[in-house]
Amino acid sequence: MYRTHHCNELRKTDIGREVKLAGWVAVRRDHGGVIFIDLRDREGLTQVVFRPEENAEVAKQSHSLRTEDVIQVCGKVAPRLPGTENPKLATGDIEVLPQSLTVLNRAE
């Protein structure tokens, strides 16, 4: 299966659920080894967080991602840490902690 959800579908009620998302890397932020990706598809955005303590291999792989790379992630929906919620996004209360990352197409 290519994806289980579109990026704009996930909410607090999905916390703990295993999901598969696919889309473009809209924004990539590196905060001292923790990589934040805003994953975009035709429906919206979901934040994906690559933490070395969660999955070192996938976190290492995320360092090579660039804006507009097309990726697929499989992972678990988690609540965002208190104070990091984004009320401007429908998915602003959650993030995805990936267990696998597949680069489907590299941006040029």
N, C-alpha and C. Protein backbone atom coordinates (compact mmCIF):
# COMPACT_ATOMS: atom_id res chain seq x y z
N MET A 1 0.85 -1.18 0.00
CA MET A 1 0.00 0.00 0.00
C MET A 1 0.89 1.24 0.00
N TYR A 2 0.57 2.18 -0.86
CA TYR A 2 1.35 3.39 -1.03
C TYR A 2 1.22 4.34 0.16
N ARG A 3 -0.01 4.49 0.67
CA ARG A 3 -0.27 5.34 1.84
C ARG A 3 -1.54 4.86 2.52
N THR A 4 -1.62 5.13 3.82
CA THR A 4 -2.85 4.83 4.56
C THR A 4 -3.69 6.08 4.76
N HIS A 5 -3.05 7.24 4.72
CA HIS A 5 -3.72 8.52 4.96
C HIS A 5 -3.10 9.59 4.08
N HIS A 6 -3.86 10.64 3.85
CA HIS A 6 -3.30 11.86 3.27
C HIS A 6 -2.77 12.72 4.42
N CYS A 7 -1.90 13.64 4.09
CA CYS A 7 -1.22 14.43 5.12
C CYS A 7 -2.15 15.29 5.96
N ASN A 8 -3.28 15.69 5.44
CA ASN A 8 -4.18 16.56 6.20
C ASN A 8 -5.20 15.80 7.04
N GLU A 9 -5.16 14.48 7.05
CA GLU A 9 -6.20 13.69 7.71
C GLU A 9 -5.93 13.38 9.18
N LEU A 10 -4.69 13.41 9.60
CA LEU A 10 -4.36 12.92 10.95
C LEU A 10 -4.72 13.93 12.03
N ARG A 11 -5.28 13.41 13.13
CA ARG A 11 -5.71 14.24 14.25
C ARG A 11 -5.31 13.57 15.57
N LYS A 12 -5.66 14.21 16.69
CA LYS A 12 -5.37 13.65 18.02
C LYS A 12 -5.97 12.25 18.18
N THR A 13 -7.09 12.00 17.54
CA THR A 13 -7.74 10.69 17.66
C THR A 13 -6.90 9.58 17.02
N ASP A 14 -5.90 9.95 16.21
CA ASP A 14 -5.03 8.97 15.55
C ASP A 14 -3.76 8.67 16.35
N ILE A 15 -3.57 9.32 17.49
CA ILE A 15 -2.36 9.10 18.29
C ILE A 15 -2.24 7.62 18.63
N GLY A 16 -1.04 7.10 18.38
CA GLY A 16 -0.76 5.69 18.61
C GLY A 16 -0.94 4.81 17.38
N ARG A 17 -1.57 5.33 16.37
CA ARG A 17 -1.84 4.57 15.14
C ARG A 17 -0.59 4.51 14.25
N GLU A 18 -0.37 3.36 13.64
CA GLU A 18 0.68 3.20 12.63
C GLU A 18 0.14 3.70 11.30
N VAL A 19 0.90 4.59 10.64
CA VAL A 19 0.44 5.17 9.38
C VAL A 19 1.54 5.11 8.34
N LYS A 20 1.14 5.25 7.10
CA LYS A 20 2.07 5.35 5.98
C LYS A 20 1.66 6.59 5.18
N LEU A 21 2.60 7.53 5.02
CA LEU A 21 2.35 8.77 4.29
C LEU A 21 3.33 8.89 3.14
N ALA A 22 2.94 9.59 2.11
CA ALA A 22 3.82 9.86 0.98
C ALA A 22 3.58 11.28 0.50
N GLY A 23 4.65 11.94 0.11
CA GLY A 23 4.52 13.30 -0.39
C GLY A 23 5.87 13.95 -0.61
N TRP A 24 5.82 15.26 -0.76
CA TRP A 24 7.01 16.06 -1.01
C TRP A 24 7.53 16.65 0.30
N VAL A 25 8.83 16.79 0.41
CA VAL A 25 9.44 17.50 1.54
C VAL A 25 9.22 18.99 1.27
N ALA A 26 8.31 19.60 2.03
CA ALA A 26 8.01 21.02 1.84
C ALA A 26 9.05 21.88 2.55
N VAL A 27 9.39 21.50 3.77
CA VAL A 27 10.37 22.23 4.58
C VAL A 27 11.17 21.21 5.37
N ARG A 28 12.47 21.45 5.50
CA ARG A 28 13.35 20.60 6.31
C ARG A 28 14.08 21.50 7.30
N ARG A 29 13.99 21.16 8.60
CA ARG A 29 14.66 21.93 9.64
C ARG A 29 15.52 20.99 10.47
N ASP A 30 16.76 21.38 10.74
CA ASP A 30 17.69 20.60 11.56
C ASP A 30 17.88 21.35 12.87
N HIS A 31 17.42 20.74 13.96
CA HIS A 31 17.55 21.33 15.29
C HIS A 31 18.50 20.49 16.12
N GLY A 32 19.78 20.61 15.84
CA GLY A 32 20.78 19.90 16.62
C GLY A 32 20.71 18.39 16.48
N GLY A 33 20.51 17.90 15.28
CA GLY A 33 20.46 16.46 15.06
C GLY A 33 19.06 15.91 14.95
N VAL A 34 18.08 16.62 15.47
CA VAL A 34 16.67 16.24 15.29
C VAL A 34 16.19 16.94 14.02
N ILE A 35 15.71 16.16 13.06
CA ILE A 35 15.26 16.70 11.78
C ILE A 35 13.74 16.76 11.75
N PHE A 36 13.22 17.93 11.42
CA PHE A 36 11.78 18.14 11.27
C PHE A 36 11.49 18.31 9.78
N ILE A 37 10.52 17.56 9.29
CA ILE A 37 10.09 17.65 7.89
C ILE A 37 8.61 18.02 7.87
N ASP A 38 8.27 19.03 7.09
CA ASP A 38 6.86 19.27 6.77
C ASP A 38 6.60 18.49 5.49
N LEU A 39 5.85 17.41 5.62
CA LEU A 39 5.54 16.55 4.47
C LEU A 39 4.25 17.05 3.85
N ARG A 40 4.27 17.28 2.53
CA ARG A 40 3.13 17.87 1.82
C ARG A 40 2.62 16.90 0.76
N ASP A 41 1.30 16.76 0.72
CA ASP A 41 0.67 16.09 -0.41
C ASP A 41 -0.47 16.98 -0.90
N ARG A 42 -1.32 16.47 -1.76
CA ARG A 42 -2.38 17.31 -2.35
C ARG A 42 -3.41 17.77 -1.33
N GLU A 43 -3.43 17.16 -0.15
CA GLU A 43 -4.42 17.49 0.87
C GLU A 43 -3.92 18.44 1.94
N GLY A 44 -2.60 18.50 2.17
CA GLY A 44 -2.10 19.37 3.24
C GLY A 44 -0.73 18.96 3.74
N LEU A 45 -0.47 19.27 5.03
CA LEU A 45 0.85 19.06 5.64
C LEU A 45 0.75 18.21 6.90
N THR A 46 1.81 17.44 7.15
CA THR A 46 2.00 16.74 8.41
C THR A 46 3.46 16.88 8.79
N GLN A 47 3.72 17.15 10.07
CA GLN A 47 5.10 17.22 10.55
C GLN A 47 5.61 15.81 10.84
N VAL A 48 6.80 15.51 10.31
CA VAL A 48 7.48 14.24 10.55
C VAL A 48 8.76 14.57 11.30
N VAL A 49 9.02 13.87 12.42
CA VAL A 49 10.17 14.18 13.27
C VAL A 49 11.10 12.98 13.34
N PHE A 50 12.34 13.19 12.91
CA PHE A 50 13.37 12.15 12.91
C PHE A 50 14.27 12.38 14.12
N ARG A 51 14.11 11.57 15.16
CA ARG A 51 14.94 11.68 16.37
C ARG A 51 15.86 10.47 16.45
N PRO A 52 17.17 10.70 16.64
CA PRO A 52 18.11 9.58 16.71
C PRO A 52 17.76 8.57 17.79
N GLU A 53 17.21 9.02 18.91
CA GLU A 53 16.87 8.09 20.00
C GLU A 53 15.66 7.22 19.67
N GLU A 54 14.86 7.63 18.71
CA GLU A 54 13.70 6.84 18.28
C GLU A 54 14.11 5.76 17.28
N ASN A 55 14.92 6.16 16.29
CA ASN A 55 15.38 5.23 15.26
C ASN A 55 16.62 5.84 14.61
N ALA A 56 17.79 5.42 15.07
CA ALA A 56 19.06 6.03 14.65
C ALA A 56 19.29 5.91 13.15
N GLU A 57 18.97 4.76 12.58
CA GLU A 57 19.23 4.54 11.15
C GLU A 57 18.36 5.45 10.27
N VAL A 58 17.08 5.55 10.62
CA VAL A 58 16.17 6.40 9.84
C VAL A 58 16.54 7.88 10.04
N ALA A 59 16.92 8.24 11.26
CA ALA A 59 17.33 9.62 11.52
C ALA A 59 18.56 9.98 10.69
N LYS A 60 19.50 9.06 10.61
CA LYS A 60 20.71 9.29 9.80
C LYS A 60 20.34 9.46 8.32
N GLN A 61 19.43 8.64 7.85
CA GLN A 61 18.98 8.71 6.46
C GLN A 61 18.31 10.06 6.16
N SER A 62 17.62 10.63 7.16
CA SER A 62 16.89 11.89 6.95
C SER A 62 17.81 13.07 6.69
N HIS A 63 19.07 12.98 7.09
CA HIS A 63 20.00 14.09 6.89
C HIS A 63 20.25 14.39 5.42
N SER A 64 19.98 13.43 4.54
CA SER A 64 20.22 13.65 3.11
C SER A 64 19.01 14.23 2.38
N LEU A 65 17.89 14.39 3.09
CA LEU A 65 16.67 14.88 2.43
C LEU A 65 16.79 16.36 2.07
N ARG A 66 16.20 16.70 0.91
CA ARG A 66 16.18 18.08 0.45
C ARG A 66 14.74 18.48 0.12
N THR A 67 14.52 19.77 0.07
CA THR A 67 13.21 20.30 -0.31
C THR A 67 12.80 19.74 -1.67
N GLU A 68 11.56 19.29 -1.74
CA GLU A 68 10.92 18.73 -2.93
C GLU A 68 11.31 17.28 -3.24
N ASP A 69 12.14 16.64 -2.40
CA ASP A 69 12.30 15.19 -2.53
C ASP A 69 10.94 14.55 -2.29
N VAL A 70 10.64 13.48 -2.98
CA VAL A 70 9.40 12.74 -2.77
C VAL A 70 9.73 11.53 -1.91
N ILE A 71 9.04 11.41 -0.77
CA ILE A 71 9.35 10.35 0.18
C ILE A 71 8.09 9.63 0.64
N GLN A 72 8.33 8.47 1.23
CA GLN A 72 7.28 7.71 1.91
C GLN A 72 7.81 7.40 3.30
N VAL A 73 7.00 7.64 4.32
CA VAL A 73 7.37 7.31 5.69
C VAL A 73 6.31 6.40 6.29
N CYS A 74 6.77 5.45 7.08
CA CYS A 74 5.89 4.60 7.88
C CYS A 74 6.26 4.87 9.33
N GLY A 75 5.26 5.14 10.16
CA GLY A 75 5.56 5.44 11.54
C GLY A 75 4.32 5.55 12.39
N LYS A 76 4.54 6.04 13.60
CA LYS A 76 3.47 6.13 14.58
C LYS A 76 3.10 7.59 14.80
N VAL A 77 1.81 7.86 14.89
CA VAL A 77 1.32 9.20 15.19
C VAL A 77 1.50 9.45 16.69
N ALA A 78 2.08 10.62 17.01
CA ALA A 78 2.34 10.98 18.41
C ALA A 78 1.86 12.42 18.63
N PRO A 79 1.56 12.76 19.89
CA PRO A 79 1.21 14.15 20.17
C PRO A 79 2.46 15.02 20.08
N ARG A 80 2.29 16.25 19.64
CA ARG A 80 3.42 17.18 19.68
C ARG A 80 3.70 17.53 21.14
N LEU A 81 4.94 17.86 21.42
CA LEU A 81 5.31 18.24 22.77
C LEU A 81 4.55 19.51 23.17
N PRO A 82 4.19 19.64 24.45
CA PRO A 82 3.47 20.84 24.90
C PRO A 82 4.24 22.10 24.53
N GLY A 83 3.52 23.06 23.98
CA GLY A 83 4.13 24.31 23.57
C GLY A 83 4.60 24.33 22.13
N THR A 84 4.58 23.16 21.47
CA THR A 84 5.02 23.10 20.07
C THR A 84 3.86 22.88 19.10
N GLU A 85 2.64 22.88 19.62
CA GLU A 85 1.48 22.72 18.76
C GLU A 85 1.37 23.91 17.80
N ASN A 86 0.77 23.67 16.65
CA ASN A 86 0.60 24.73 15.65
C ASN A 86 -0.89 24.86 15.31
N PRO A 87 -1.58 25.82 15.93
CA PRO A 87 -3.02 25.95 15.69
C PRO A 87 -3.37 26.38 14.26
N LYS A 88 -2.38 26.81 13.47
CA LYS A 88 -2.63 27.22 12.09
C LYS A 88 -2.81 26.02 11.16
N LEU A 89 -2.42 24.83 11.63
CA LEU A 89 -2.53 23.61 10.82
C LEU A 89 -3.59 22.69 11.38
N ALA A 90 -4.35 22.05 10.52
CA ALA A 90 -5.33 21.05 10.97
C ALA A 90 -4.64 19.90 11.69
N THR A 91 -3.40 19.62 11.29
CA THR A 91 -2.61 18.53 11.90
C THR A 91 -1.64 19.06 12.95
N GLY A 92 -1.86 20.27 13.43
CA GLY A 92 -0.92 20.94 14.32
C GLY A 92 -0.78 20.38 15.71
N ASP A 93 -1.61 19.41 16.10
CA ASP A 93 -1.51 18.79 17.42
C ASP A 93 -0.72 17.49 17.41
N ILE A 94 -0.37 17.00 16.22
CA ILE A 94 0.30 15.70 16.12
C ILE A 94 1.56 15.79 15.28
N GLU A 95 2.37 14.73 15.36
CA GLU A 95 3.53 14.55 14.49
C GLU A 95 3.67 13.06 14.24
N VAL A 96 4.42 12.71 13.23
CA VAL A 96 4.67 11.30 12.93
C VAL A 96 6.12 11.00 13.25
N LEU A 97 6.33 9.91 14.01
CA LEU A 97 7.67 9.43 14.36
C LEU A 97 7.95 8.23 13.46
N PRO A 98 8.78 8.41 12.43
CA PRO A 98 8.94 7.36 11.42
C PRO A 98 9.79 6.19 11.87
N GLN A 99 9.39 5.00 11.44
CA GLN A 99 10.16 3.78 11.63
C GLN A 99 10.87 3.37 10.35
N SER A 100 10.39 3.91 9.22
CA SER A 100 11.07 3.66 7.94
C SER A 100 10.90 4.88 7.05
N LEU A 101 11.86 5.04 6.16
CA LEU A 101 11.88 6.14 5.21
C LEU A 101 12.32 5.60 3.86
N THR A 102 11.54 5.88 2.83
CA THR A 102 11.89 5.51 1.47
C THR A 102 11.88 6.77 0.62
N VAL A 103 12.98 7.03 -0.06
CA VAL A 103 13.04 8.15 -1.00
C VAL A 103 12.53 7.63 -2.34
N LEU A 104 11.40 8.17 -2.78
CA LEU A 104 10.79 7.73 -4.03
C LEU A 104 11.36 8.46 -5.24
N ASN A 105 11.75 9.73 -5.02
CA ASN A 105 12.33 10.50 -6.11
C ASN A 105 13.10 11.68 -5.52
N ARG A 106 14.33 11.87 -5.97
CA ARG A 106 15.15 12.99 -5.52
C ARG A 106 14.84 14.24 -6.34
N ALA A 107 14.80 15.39 -5.65
CA ALA A 107 14.63 16.66 -6.35
C ALA A 107 15.92 17.01 -7.07
N GLU A 108 15.79 17.70 -8.18
CA GLU A 108 16.99 18.12 -8.94
C GLU A 108 17.42 19.50 -8.53
